[in-house]
Amino acid sequence: MADIEPYENALDTIPGAHPYPRSSRYHDAEIGVHRMADGTEVRYTKRRLLPPIEDVTDDETAPHTVSSGERPDLLAQRYLGDPGQWWQIADANPVLDPQELTQEAGRVIAIPHAGGFPGAGAGARYV
C-alpha cells in the first residue's frame, strides 16, 4: 500500500467520520440518507462510479501476463503492497467477476500503478 500519513489511519477510527477505511473501494463513495415513512433515517452507500476503460492511458497502468495459479489478491500484494487492494486491479479491467482476471494463463491484464486507479469522471460506469 502507498505510504500514508500516520494521522490518516487515526482518522479512520473516529466514529461517524466515514463508514469505510481509506483502503476500501467504497471510501470515496457518496453516503445517501433515505427517510422512512416514520421519519427514521437510513444511511446507505450510493453506487460507485468507475472511469470508462477506454479513457485509461498507458501511463496509468502497466501490463501483466497472467501465469497459472495467480489470483487477484496475490497480484495486488505484489504490485500494490496490499492484497486487499485487488479491487483496484479489477477496476482497471473490464470484468464483472474479479476471478476472471486470472482464470486464463497468458491473458494480459492492466495493473494500476501504486497510488490508485484514476477517479471517476464523465462517462463512468457503475459497480
Protein backbone atom coordinates (compact mmCIF):
# COMPACT_ATOMS: atom_id res chain seq x y z
CA MET A 1 0.00 0.00 0.00
CA ALA A 2 1.22 3.51 -0.70
CA ASP A 3 2.73 5.45 2.19
CA ILE A 4 0.13 7.48 4.03
CA GLU A 5 0.37 9.92 6.86
CA PRO A 6 0.05 8.26 10.29
CA TYR A 7 -2.74 10.69 11.12
CA GLU A 8 -4.83 9.43 8.20
CA ASN A 9 -5.14 5.99 9.81
CA ALA A 10 -6.22 7.68 13.04
CA LEU A 11 -8.98 9.48 11.15
CA ASP A 12 -10.39 6.11 10.09
CA THR A 13 -11.03 5.21 13.75
CA ILE A 14 -13.16 8.27 14.54
CA PRO A 15 -16.79 7.13 14.87
CA GLY A 16 -19.01 8.69 12.21
CA ALA A 17 -16.05 10.09 10.23
CA HIS A 18 -16.73 7.73 7.32
CA PRO A 19 -18.09 4.18 7.34
CA TYR A 20 -15.26 2.81 5.19
CA PRO A 21 -11.48 2.95 5.79
CA ARG A 22 -9.25 4.78 3.30
CA SER A 23 -8.12 1.48 1.78
CA SER A 24 -11.70 0.46 0.90
CA ARG A 25 -13.07 0.68 -2.61
CA TYR A 26 -16.06 2.48 -1.10
CA HIS A 27 -14.17 5.13 0.88
CA ASP A 28 -14.89 7.87 -1.67
CA ALA A 29 -18.41 6.67 -2.42
CA GLU A 30 -21.15 9.10 -1.51
CA ILE A 31 -23.29 8.24 1.51
CA GLY A 32 -27.01 8.78 0.98
CA VAL A 33 -29.80 9.08 3.50
CA HIS A 34 -33.26 7.60 2.93
CA ARG A 35 -36.05 8.83 5.16
CA MET A 36 -38.64 6.16 6.03
CA ALA A 37 -42.35 6.99 6.33
CA ASP A 38 -41.99 7.09 10.12
CA GLY A 39 -39.13 9.62 9.86
CA THR A 40 -36.35 7.13 10.55
CA GLU A 41 -33.21 7.89 8.53
CA VAL A 42 -31.37 5.01 6.90
CA ARG A 43 -27.85 5.65 5.63
CA TYR A 44 -26.64 3.78 2.54
CA THR A 45 -23.70 3.80 0.18
CA LYS A 46 -24.51 5.14 -3.26
CA ARG A 47 -23.17 3.41 -6.36
CA ARG A 48 -19.51 3.87 -7.04
CA LEU A 49 -18.52 5.13 -10.48
CA LEU A 50 -15.53 3.89 -12.42
CA PRO A 51 -13.82 5.73 -15.23
CA PRO A 52 -14.53 4.28 -18.68
CA ILE A 53 -11.86 1.75 -19.62
CA GLU A 54 -11.23 3.47 -22.95
CA ASP A 55 -10.17 6.65 -21.08
CA VAL A 56 -7.36 4.83 -19.21
CA THR A 57 -3.95 5.66 -20.66
CA ASP A 58 -0.81 3.53 -20.72
CA ASP A 59 0.88 5.78 -18.16
CA GLU A 60 -1.85 4.92 -15.59
CA THR A 61 -1.43 1.14 -15.82
CA ALA A 62 1.20 -1.48 -16.59
CA PRO A 63 0.56 -4.76 -18.44
CA HIS A 64 0.83 -8.09 -16.64
CA THR A 65 0.71 -11.50 -18.32
CA VAL A 66 -1.19 -13.92 -16.08
CA SER A 67 0.57 -17.13 -15.06
CA SER A 68 -1.12 -20.33 -13.94
CA GLY A 69 -2.20 -20.20 -10.29
CA GLU A 70 -2.20 -16.43 -9.91
CA ARG A 71 -5.02 -14.69 -8.03
CA PRO A 72 -6.13 -11.04 -7.92
CA ASP A 73 -5.19 -10.72 -4.24
CA LEU A 74 -1.70 -12.08 -4.86
CA LEU A 75 -1.19 -9.65 -7.74
CA ALA A 76 -2.36 -6.80 -5.51
CA GLN A 77 0.19 -7.82 -2.88
CA ARG A 78 2.97 -7.95 -5.47
CA TYR A 79 2.19 -4.72 -7.30
CA LEU A 80 0.32 -2.60 -4.76
CA GLY A 81 1.72 -3.94 -1.48
CA ASP A 82 -1.68 -4.92 -0.06
CA PRO A 83 -3.74 -7.99 -1.02
CA GLY A 84 -6.90 -6.13 -0.02
CA GLN A 85 -6.38 -3.76 -2.95
CA TRP A 86 -7.32 -6.45 -5.54
CA TRP A 87 -10.30 -4.27 -6.41
CA GLN A 88 -8.01 -1.66 -7.99
CA ILE A 89 -6.85 -4.28 -10.48
CA ALA A 90 -10.45 -5.36 -11.10
CA ASP A 91 -11.45 -1.72 -11.67
CA ALA A 92 -8.73 -1.33 -14.32
CA ASN A 93 -10.02 -4.27 -16.36
CA PRO A 94 -13.42 -4.88 -17.98
CA VAL A 95 -14.56 -7.87 -15.90
CA LEU A 96 -17.63 -8.47 -13.75
CA ASP A 97 -16.05 -11.18 -11.59
CA PRO A 98 -12.50 -10.49 -10.32
CA GLN A 99 -11.68 -14.19 -10.66
CA GLU A 100 -11.98 -13.73 -14.44
CA LEU A 101 -8.76 -11.71 -14.30
CA THR A 102 -6.60 -14.76 -13.59
CA GLN A 103 -8.67 -17.66 -14.97
CA GLU A 104 -6.75 -17.88 -18.21
CA ALA A 105 -2.95 -18.17 -18.19
CA GLY A 106 -1.43 -15.93 -20.86
CA ARG A 107 -4.08 -13.25 -20.60
CA VAL A 108 -2.66 -9.72 -20.42
CA ILE A 109 -4.35 -7.53 -17.79
CA ALA A 110 -3.84 -3.94 -16.73
CA ILE A 111 -2.30 -3.27 -13.33
CA PRO A 112 -2.83 0.26 -11.99
CA HIS A 113 0.24 1.99 -10.66
CA ALA A 114 0.54 2.22 -6.87
CA GLY A 115 -1.49 5.14 -5.63
CA GLY A 116 -4.68 4.01 -7.24
CA PHE A 117 -6.78 3.94 -10.32
CA PRO A 118 -7.84 7.37 -11.57
CA GLY A 119 -11.10 8.82 -10.24
CA ALA A 120 -14.44 8.68 -11.99
CA GLY A 121 -15.35 11.30 -14.49
CA ALA A 122 -17.82 11.82 -17.31
CA GLY A 123 -18.85 8.52 -18.84
CA ALA A 124 -18.04 6.49 -15.73
CA ARG A 125 -19.60 3.06 -15.29
CA TYR A 126 -21.38 1.75 -12.19
CA VAL A 127 -20.25 -1.04 -9.90
